[in-house]
Amino acid sequence: MLLYISVKDCTEQIREKPCLLNRMYNLGIDYVDNDLTGYFEDQEYKIFFFEQYGIKLDNRWNTYEITCGSAGIMIEILTTRKTI
């Protein structure tokens, strides 16, 4: 499954400076807070809140890959559940 998050849907910190997305590291899903978090210059940024869109993520049966840039964020969610 692919999720695309536009810069306009990100938090205000990112909307004001979308070029930060090009410089973020350790970008990942925080399952406890149900958000997307990244780091720049040792400062944590909350980038996107999934609950605002009624999405609740967990990591029981999936993993993910993230790519991002100043145009937005693409998350590919991959299932780890074995099919019968």
PDB file of N, CA and C in Angstrom:
ATOM      1  N   MET A   1       0.848  -1.163   0.000  1.00  0.00           N
ATOM      2  CA  MET A   1       0.000   0.000   0.000  1.00  0.00           C
ATOM      3  C   MET A   1       0.896   1.230   0.000  1.00  0.00           C
ATOM      4  N   LEU A   2       0.513   2.237  -0.759  1.00  0.00           N
ATOM      5  CA  LEU A   2       1.263   3.486  -0.813  1.00  0.00           C
ATOM      6  C   LEU A   2       0.456   4.621  -0.192  1.00  0.00           C
ATOM      7  N   LEU A   3       1.117   5.385   0.645  1.00  0.00           N
ATOM      8  CA  LEU A   3       0.526   6.598   1.209  1.00  0.00           C
ATOM      9  C   LEU A   3       1.368   7.776   0.751  1.00  0.00           C
ATOM     10  N   TYR A   4       0.717   8.786   0.196  1.00  0.00           N
ATOM     11  CA  TYR A   4       1.417  10.002  -0.181  1.00  0.00           C
ATOM     12  C   TYR A   4       0.936  11.113   0.745  1.00  0.00           C
ATOM     13  N   ILE A   5       1.874  11.811   1.369  1.00  0.00           N
ATOM     14  CA  ILE A   5       1.550  12.921   2.260  1.00  0.00           C
ATOM     15  C   ILE A   5       2.116  14.189   1.630  1.00  0.00           C
ATOM     16  N   SER A   6       1.232  15.058   1.241  1.00  0.00           N
ATOM     17  CA  SER A   6       1.639  16.326   0.643  1.00  0.00           C
ATOM     18  C   SER A   6       2.201  17.242   1.721  1.00  0.00           C
ATOM     19  N   VAL A   7       3.066  18.158   1.341  1.00  0.00           N
ATOM     20  CA  VAL A   7       3.627  19.126   2.289  1.00  0.00           C
ATOM     21  C   VAL A   7       2.516  19.936   2.944  1.00  0.00           C
ATOM     22  N   LYS A   8       1.451  20.228   2.200  1.00  0.00           N
ATOM     23  CA  LYS A   8       0.350  21.028   2.765  1.00  0.00           C
ATOM     24  C   LYS A   8      -0.394  20.299   3.875  1.00  0.00           C
ATOM     25  N   ASP A   9      -0.238  18.967   3.964  1.00  0.00           N
ATOM     26  CA  ASP A   9      -0.878  18.180   5.021  1.00  0.00           C
ATOM     27  C   ASP A   9       0.033  17.959   6.229  1.00  0.00           C
ATOM     28  N   CYS A  10       1.266  18.413   6.138  1.00  0.00           N
ATOM     29  CA  CYS A  10       2.224  18.251   7.231  1.00  0.00           C
ATOM     30  C   CYS A  10       1.989  19.310   8.311  1.00  0.00           C
ATOM     31  N   THR A  11       2.717  19.187   9.397  1.00  0.00           N
ATOM     32  CA  THR A  11       2.609  20.155  10.484  1.00  0.00           C
ATOM     33  C   THR A  11       3.104  21.523  10.011  1.00  0.00           C
ATOM     34  N   GLU A  12       2.755  22.538  10.760  1.00  0.00           N
ATOM     35  CA  GLU A  12       3.086  23.906  10.384  1.00  0.00           C
ATOM     36  C   GLU A  12       4.589  24.123  10.224  1.00  0.00           C
ATOM     37  N   GLN A  13       5.394  23.501  11.092  1.00  0.00           N
ATOM     38  CA  GLN A  13       6.856  23.633  10.991  1.00  0.00           C
ATOM     39  C   GLN A  13       7.357  23.212   9.614  1.00  0.00           C
ATOM     40  N   ILE A  14       6.790  22.168   9.073  1.00  0.00           N
ATOM     41  CA  ILE A  14       7.219  21.651   7.772  1.00  0.00           C
ATOM     42  C   ILE A  14       6.602  22.456   6.639  1.00  0.00           C
ATOM     43  N   ARG A  15       5.338  22.860   6.778  1.00  0.00           N
ATOM     44  CA  ARG A  15       4.714  23.677   5.730  1.00  0.00           C
ATOM     45  C   ARG A  15       5.470  24.981   5.514  1.00  0.00           C
ATOM     46  N   GLU A  16       5.983  25.560   6.605  1.00  0.00           N
ATOM     47  CA  GLU A  16       6.711  26.820   6.496  1.00  0.00           C
ATOM     48  C   GLU A  16       8.091  26.641   5.862  1.00  0.00           C
ATOM     49  N   LYS A  17       8.706  25.469   6.060  1.00  0.00           N
ATOM     50  CA  LYS A  17      10.045  25.200   5.528  1.00  0.00           C
ATOM     51  C   LYS A  17      10.087  23.803   4.916  1.00  0.00           C
ATOM     52  N   PRO A  18       9.447  23.599   3.754  1.00  0.00           N
ATOM     53  CA  PRO A  18       9.409  22.254   3.165  1.00  0.00           C
ATOM     54  C   PRO A  18      10.788  21.714   2.803  1.00  0.00           C
ATOM     55  N   CYS A  19      11.771  22.586   2.652  1.00  0.00           N
ATOM     56  CA  CYS A  19      13.123  22.113   2.334  1.00  0.00           C
ATOM     57  C   CYS A  19      13.711  21.290   3.482  1.00  0.00           C
ATOM     58  N   LEU A  20      13.143  21.398   4.687  1.00  0.00           N
ATOM     59  CA  LEU A  20      13.601  20.570   5.816  1.00  0.00           C
ATOM     60  C   LEU A  20      13.455  19.084   5.515  1.00  0.00           C
ATOM     61  N   LEU A  21      12.435  18.729   4.729  1.00  0.00           N
ATOM     62  CA  LEU A  21      12.217  17.311   4.417  1.00  0.00           C
ATOM     63  C   LEU A  21      13.410  16.708   3.685  1.00  0.00           C
ATOM     64  N   ASN A  22      14.108  17.508   2.883  1.00  0.00           N
ATOM     65  CA  ASN A  22      15.290  17.015   2.174  1.00  0.00           C
ATOM     66  C   ASN A  22      16.446  16.723   3.117  1.00  0.00           C
ATOM     67  N   ARG A  23      16.436  17.326   4.297  1.00  0.00           N
ATOM     68  CA  ARG A  23      17.551  17.229   5.229  1.00  0.00           C
ATOM     69  C   ARG A  23      17.265  16.350   6.446  1.00  0.00           C
ATOM     70  N   MET A  24      16.065  15.831   6.555  1.00  0.00           N
ATOM     71  CA  MET A  24      15.683  15.014   7.702  1.00  0.00           C
ATOM     72  C   MET A  24      16.432  13.679   7.696  1.00  0.00           C
ATOM     73  N   TYR A  25      16.694  13.171   8.888  1.00  0.00           N
ATOM     74  CA  TYR A  25      17.235  11.822   9.017  1.00  0.00           C
ATOM     75  C   TYR A  25      16.432  11.084  10.088  1.00  0.00           C
ATOM     76  N   ASN A  26      16.571   9.761  10.098  1.00  0.00           N
ATOM     77  CA  ASN A  26      15.803   8.892  10.998  1.00  0.00           C
ATOM     78  C   ASN A  26      14.306   9.168  10.907  1.00  0.00           C
ATOM     79  N   LEU A  27      13.834   9.380   9.710  1.00  0.00           N
ATOM     80  CA  LEU A  27      12.414   9.589   9.476  1.00  0.00           C
ATOM     81  C   LEU A  27      11.694   8.265   9.703  1.00  0.00           C
ATOM     82  N   GLY A  28      10.668   8.264  10.558  1.00  0.00           N
ATOM     83  CA  GLY A  28       9.979   7.023  10.843  1.00  0.00           C
ATOM     84  C   GLY A  28       8.634   7.219  11.499  1.00  0.00           C
ATOM     85  N   ILE A  29       7.883   6.152  11.533  1.00  0.00           N
ATOM     86  CA  ILE A  29       6.562   6.150  12.156  1.00  0.00           C
ATOM     87  C   ILE A  29       6.741   5.873  13.645  1.00  0.00           C
ATOM     88  N   ASP A  30       6.188   6.736  14.460  1.00  0.00           N
ATOM     89  CA  ASP A  30       6.159   6.538  15.909  1.00  0.00           C
ATOM     90  C   ASP A  30       4.793   5.924  16.221  1.00  0.00           C
ATOM     91  N   TYR A  31       4.781   4.626  16.515  1.00  0.00           N
ATOM     92  CA  TYR A  31       3.519   3.918  16.711  1.00  0.00           C
ATOM     93  C   TYR A  31       2.834   4.302  18.013  1.00  0.00           C
ATOM     94  N   VAL A  32       3.564   4.732  19.009  1.00  0.00           N
ATOM     95  CA  VAL A  32       2.965   5.134  20.284  1.00  0.00           C
ATOM     96  C   VAL A  32       2.164   6.419  20.101  1.00  0.00           C
ATOM     97  N   ASP A  33       2.775   7.419  19.470  1.00  0.00           N
ATOM     98  CA  ASP A  33       2.097   8.699  19.255  1.00  0.00           C
ATOM     99  C   ASP A  33       1.299   8.732  17.957  1.00  0.00           C
ATOM    100  N   ASN A  34       1.435   7.678  17.126  1.00  0.00           N
ATOM    101  CA  ASN A  34       0.732   7.567  15.851  1.00  0.00           C
ATOM    102  C   ASN A  34       1.026   8.769  14.956  1.00  0.00           C
ATOM    103  N   ASP A  35       2.315   9.058  14.805  1.00  0.00           N
ATOM    104  CA  ASP A  35       2.713  10.166  13.947  1.00  0.00           C
ATOM    105  C   ASP A  35       3.977   9.809  13.172  1.00  0.00           C
ATOM    106  N   LEU A  36       4.354  10.712  12.295  1.00  0.00           N
ATOM    107  CA  LEU A  36       5.583  10.587  11.532  1.00  0.00           C
ATOM    108  C   LEU A  36       6.573  11.584  12.109  1.00  0.00           C
ATOM    109  N   THR A  37       7.748  11.096  12.479  1.00  0.00           N
ATOM    110  CA  THR A  37       8.747  11.908  13.153  1.00  0.00           C
ATOM    111  C   THR A  37      10.055  11.857  12.383  1.00  0.00           C
ATOM    112  N   GLY A  38      10.776  12.969  12.395  1.00  0.00           N
ATOM    113  CA  GLY A  38      12.093  13.020  11.781  1.00  0.00           C
ATOM    114  C   GLY A  38      12.999  13.938  12.585  1.00  0.00           C
ATOM    115  N   TYR A  39      14.276  13.898  12.268  1.00  0.00           N
ATOM    116  CA  TYR A  39      15.263  14.701  12.990  1.00  0.00           C
ATOM    117  C   TYR A  39      16.075  15.543  12.020  1.00  0.00           C
ATOM    118  N   PHE A  40      16.403  16.745  12.450  1.00  0.00           N
ATOM    119  CA  PHE A  40      17.285  17.643  11.715  1.00  0.00           C
ATOM    120  C   PHE A  40      18.077  18.432  12.744  1.00  0.00           C
ATOM    121  N   GLU A  41      19.396  18.386  12.614  1.00  0.00           N
ATOM    122  CA  GLU A  41      20.294  19.065  13.548  1.00  0.00           C
ATOM    123  C   GLU A  41      19.947  18.743  15.005  1.00  0.00           C
ATOM    124  N   ASP A  42      19.764  17.453  15.288  1.00  0.00           N
ATOM    125  CA  ASP A  42      19.479  16.944  16.632  1.00  0.00           C
ATOM    126  C   ASP A  42      18.185  17.473  17.245  1.00  0.00           C
ATOM    127  N   GLN A  43      17.288  18.004  16.429  1.00  0.00           N
ATOM    128  CA  GLN A  43      15.978  18.439  16.917  1.00  0.00           C
ATOM    129  C   GLN A  43      14.915  17.527  16.313  1.00  0.00           C
ATOM    130  N   GLU A  44      13.987  17.076  17.163  1.00  0.00           N
ATOM    131  CA  GLU A  44      12.903  16.213  16.707  1.00  0.00           C
ATOM    132  C   GLU A  44      11.783  17.055  16.117  1.00  0.00           C
ATOM    133  N   TYR A  45      11.280  16.621  14.977  1.00  0.00           N
ATOM    134  CA  TYR A  45      10.150  17.278  14.326  1.00  0.00           C
ATOM    135  C   TYR A  45       9.012  16.294  14.177  1.00  0.00           C
ATOM    136  N   LYS A  46       7.842  16.692  14.620  1.00  0.00           N
ATOM    137  CA  LYS A  46       6.630  15.934  14.344  1.00  0.00           C
ATOM    138  C   LYS A  46       6.165  16.406  12.975  1.00  0.00           C
ATOM    139  N   ILE A  47       6.132  15.499  12.025  1.00  0.00           N
ATOM    140  CA  ILE A  47       5.886  15.872  10.633  1.00  0.00           C
ATOM    141  C   ILE A  47       4.424  15.712  10.243  1.00  0.00           C
ATOM    142  N   PHE A  48       3.790  14.656  10.719  1.00  0.00           N
ATOM    143  CA  PHE A  48       2.420  14.344  10.303  1.00  0.00           C
ATOM    144  C   PHE A  48       1.739  13.536  11.399  1.00  0.00           C
ATOM    145  N   PHE A  49       0.479  13.838  11.669  1.00  0.00           N
ATOM    146  CA  PHE A  49      -0.311  13.107  12.659  1.00  0.00           C
ATOM    147  C   PHE A  49      -1.373  12.277  11.941  1.00  0.00           C
ATOM    148  N   PHE A  50      -1.245  10.950  11.993  1.00  0.00           N
ATOM    149  CA  PHE A  50      -2.167  10.059  11.298  1.00  0.00           C
ATOM    150  C   PHE A  50      -3.583  10.133  11.860  1.00  0.00           C
ATOM    151  N   GLU A  51      -3.719  10.366  13.163  1.00  0.00           N
ATOM    152  CA  GLU A  51      -5.051  10.413  13.776  1.00  0.00           C
ATOM    153  C   GLU A  51      -5.925  11.520  13.211  1.00  0.00           C
ATOM    154  N   GLN A  52      -5.328  12.588  12.720  1.00  0.00           N
ATOM    155  CA  GLN A  52      -6.115  13.676  12.131  1.00  0.00           C
ATOM    156  C   GLN A  52      -6.886  13.197  10.906  1.00  0.00           C
ATOM    157  N   TYR A  53      -6.471  12.073  10.330  1.00  0.00           N
ATOM    158  CA  TYR A  53      -7.137  11.509   9.160  1.00  0.00           C
ATOM    159  C   TYR A  53      -7.822  10.181   9.482  1.00  0.00           C
ATOM    160  N   GLY A  54      -7.950   9.868  10.768  1.00  0.00           N
ATOM    161  CA  GLY A  54      -8.626   8.639  11.180  1.00  0.00           C
ATOM    162  C   GLY A  54      -7.825   7.381  10.918  1.00  0.00           C
ATOM    163  N   ILE A  55      -6.514   7.504  10.850  1.00  0.00           N
ATOM    164  CA  ILE A  55      -5.647   6.362  10.569  1.00  0.00           C
ATOM    165  C   ILE A  55      -4.944   5.937  11.856  1.00  0.00           C
ATOM    166  N   LYS A  56      -5.041   4.669  12.189  1.00  0.00           N
ATOM    167  CA  LYS A  56      -4.337   4.105  13.340  1.00  0.00           C
ATOM    168  C   LYS A  56      -3.395   3.015  12.827  1.00  0.00           C
ATOM    169  N   LEU A  57      -2.109   3.245  12.963  1.00  0.00           N
ATOM    170  CA  LEU A  57      -1.114   2.297  12.474  1.00  0.00           C
ATOM    171  C   LEU A  57      -0.563   1.456  13.613  1.00  0.00           C
ATOM    172  N   ASP A  58      -0.210   0.219  13.297  1.00  0.00           N
ATOM    173  CA  ASP A  58       0.519  -0.623  14.242  1.00  0.00           C
ATOM    174  C   ASP A  58       1.552  -1.413  13.455  1.00  0.00           C
ATOM    175  N   ASN A  59       2.458  -2.043  14.151  1.00  0.00           N
ATOM    176  CA  ASN A  59       3.526  -2.758  13.464  1.00  0.00           C
ATOM    177  C   ASN A  59       3.463  -4.267  13.656  1.00  0.00           C
ATOM    178  N   ARG A  60       2.277  -4.775  13.928  1.00  0.00           N
ATOM    179  CA  ARG A  60       2.159  -6.219  14.138  1.00  0.00           C
ATOM    180  C   ARG A  60       2.379  -7.007  12.856  1.00  0.00           C
ATOM    181  N   TRP A  61       1.850  -6.535  11.726  1.00  0.00           N
ATOM    182  CA  TRP A  61       1.898  -7.313  10.494  1.00  0.00           C
ATOM    183  C   TRP A  61       2.458  -6.525   9.323  1.00  0.00           C
ATOM    184  N   ASN A  62       3.266  -5.507   9.599  1.00  0.00           N
ATOM    185  CA  ASN A  62       3.804  -4.752   8.476  1.00  0.00           C
ATOM    186  C   ASN A  62       5.144  -4.120   8.802  1.00  0.00           C
ATOM    187  N   THR A  63       5.775  -3.666   7.776  1.00  0.00           N
ATOM    188  CA  THR A  63       6.961  -2.842   7.850  1.00  0.00           C
ATOM    189  C   THR A  63       6.762  -1.736   6.820  1.00  0.00           C
ATOM    190  N   TYR A  64       7.692  -0.816   6.705  1.00  0.00           N
ATOM    191  CA  TYR A  64       7.487   0.285   5.775  1.00  0.00           C
ATOM    192  C   TYR A  64       8.807   0.825   5.255  1.00  0.00           C
ATOM    193  N   GLU A  65       8.706   1.529   4.141  1.00  0.00           N
ATOM    194  CA  GLU A  65       9.825   2.256   3.574  1.00  0.00           C
ATOM    195  C   GLU A  65       9.343   3.671   3.288  1.00  0.00           C
ATOM    196  N   ILE A  66      10.185   4.653   3.608  1.00  0.00           N
ATOM    197  CA  ILE A  66       9.812   6.053   3.443  1.00  0.00           C
ATOM    198  C   ILE A  66      10.790   6.742   2.506  1.00  0.00           C
ATOM    199  N   THR A  67      10.247   7.518   1.596  1.00  0.00           N
ATOM    200  CA  THR A  67      11.047   8.438   0.801  1.00  0.00           C
ATOM    201  C   THR A  67      10.411   9.813   0.955  1.00  0.00           C
ATOM    202  N   CYS A  68      11.250  10.837   0.976  1.00  0.00           N
ATOM    203  CA  CYS A  68      10.686  12.178   1.132  1.00  0.00           C
ATOM    204  C   CYS A  68      11.548  13.201   0.426  1.00  0.00           C
ATOM    205  N   GLY A  69      10.923  14.328   0.151  1.00  0.00           N
ATOM    206  CA  GLY A  69      11.573  15.471  -0.467  1.00  0.00           C
ATOM    207  C   GLY A  69      10.688  16.676  -0.288  1.00  0.00           C
ATOM    208  N   SER A  70      11.068  17.776  -0.865  1.00  0.00           N
ATOM    209  CA  SER A  70      10.319  19.011  -0.655  1.00  0.00           C
ATOM    210  C   SER A  70       8.918  18.960  -1.265  1.00  0.00           C
ATOM    211  N   ALA A  71       8.614  17.967  -2.090  1.00  0.00           N
ATOM    212  CA  ALA A  71       7.278  17.821  -2.666  1.00  0.00           C
ATOM    213  C   ALA A  71       6.337  17.033  -1.760  1.00  0.00           C
ATOM    214  N   GLY A  72       6.888  16.273  -0.817  1.00  0.00           N
ATOM    215  CA  GLY A  72       6.054  15.485   0.077  1.00  0.00           C
ATOM    216  C   GLY A  72       6.732  14.202   0.498  1.00  0.00           C
ATOM    217  N   ILE A  73       5.937  13.308   1.073  1.00  0.00           N
ATOM    218  CA  ILE A  73       6.437  12.068   1.650  1.00  0.00           C
ATOM    219  C   ILE A  73       5.666  10.898   1.062  1.00  0.00           C
ATOM    220  N   MET A  74       6.387   9.847   0.700  1.00  0.00           N
ATOM    221  CA  MET A  74       5.774   8.624   0.210  1.00  0.00           C
ATOM    222  C   MET A  74       6.137   7.511   1.183  1.00  0.00           C
ATOM    223  N   ILE A  75       5.111   6.825   1.685  1.00  0.00           N
ATOM    224  CA  ILE A  75       5.312   5.697   2.585  1.00  0.00           C
ATOM    225  C   ILE A  75       4.755   4.455   1.911  1.00  0.00           C
ATOM    226  N   GLU A  76       5.598   3.436   1.752  1.00  0.00           N
ATOM    227  CA  GLU A  76       5.149   2.159   1.230  1.00  0.00           C
ATOM    228  C   GLU A  76       5.049   1.200   2.408  1.00  0.00           C
ATOM    229  N   ILE A  77       3.828   0.762   2.692  1.00  0.00           N
ATOM    230  CA  ILE A  77       3.598  -0.180   3.784  1.00  0.00           C
ATOM    231  C   ILE A  77       3.574  -1.587   3.191  1.00  0.00           C
ATOM    232  N   LEU A  78       4.424  -2.433   3.732  1.00  0.00           N
ATOM    233  CA  LEU A  78       4.594  -3.796   3.229  1.00  0.00           C
ATOM    234  C   LEU A  78       4.137  -4.793   4.276  1.00  0.00           C
ATOM    235  N   THR A  79       3.321  -5.743   3.904  1.00  0.00           N
ATOM    236  CA  THR A  79       2.828  -6.734   4.845  1.00  0.00           C
ATOM    237  C   THR A  79       3.906  -7.773   5.140  1.00  0.00           C
ATOM    238  N   THR A  80       3.931  -8.234   6.373  1.00  0.00           N
ATOM    239  CA  THR A  80       4.829  -9.316   6.775  1.00  0.00           C
ATOM    240  C   THR A  80       4.036 -10.578   7.102  1.00  0.00           C
ATOM    241  N   ARG A  81       2.710 -10.482   6.992  1.00  0.00           N
ATOM    242  CA  ARG A  81       1.840 -11.617   7.290  1.00  0.00           C
ATOM    243  C   ARG A  81       1.954 -12.653   6.190  1.00  0.00           C
ATOM    244  N   LYS A  82       2.128 -13.881   6.570  1.00  0.00           N
ATOM    245  CA  LYS A  82       2.224 -14.964   5.613  1.00  0.00           C
ATOM    246  C   LYS A  82       0.819 -15.386   5.216  1.00  0.00           C
ATOM    247  N   THR A  83       0.605 -15.531   3.916  1.00  0.00           N
ATOM    248  CA  THR A  83      -0.694 -15.990   3.431  1.00  0.00           C
ATOM    249  C   THR A  83      -0.685 -17.508   3.333  1.00  0.00           C
ATOM    250  N   ILE A  84      -1.844 -18.079   3.491  1.00  0.00           N
ATOM    251  CA  ILE A  84      -1.973 -19.549   3.468  1.00  0.00           C
ATOM    252  C   ILE A  84      -2.103 -20.038   2.058  1.00  0.00           C
TER     253      ILE A  84
END
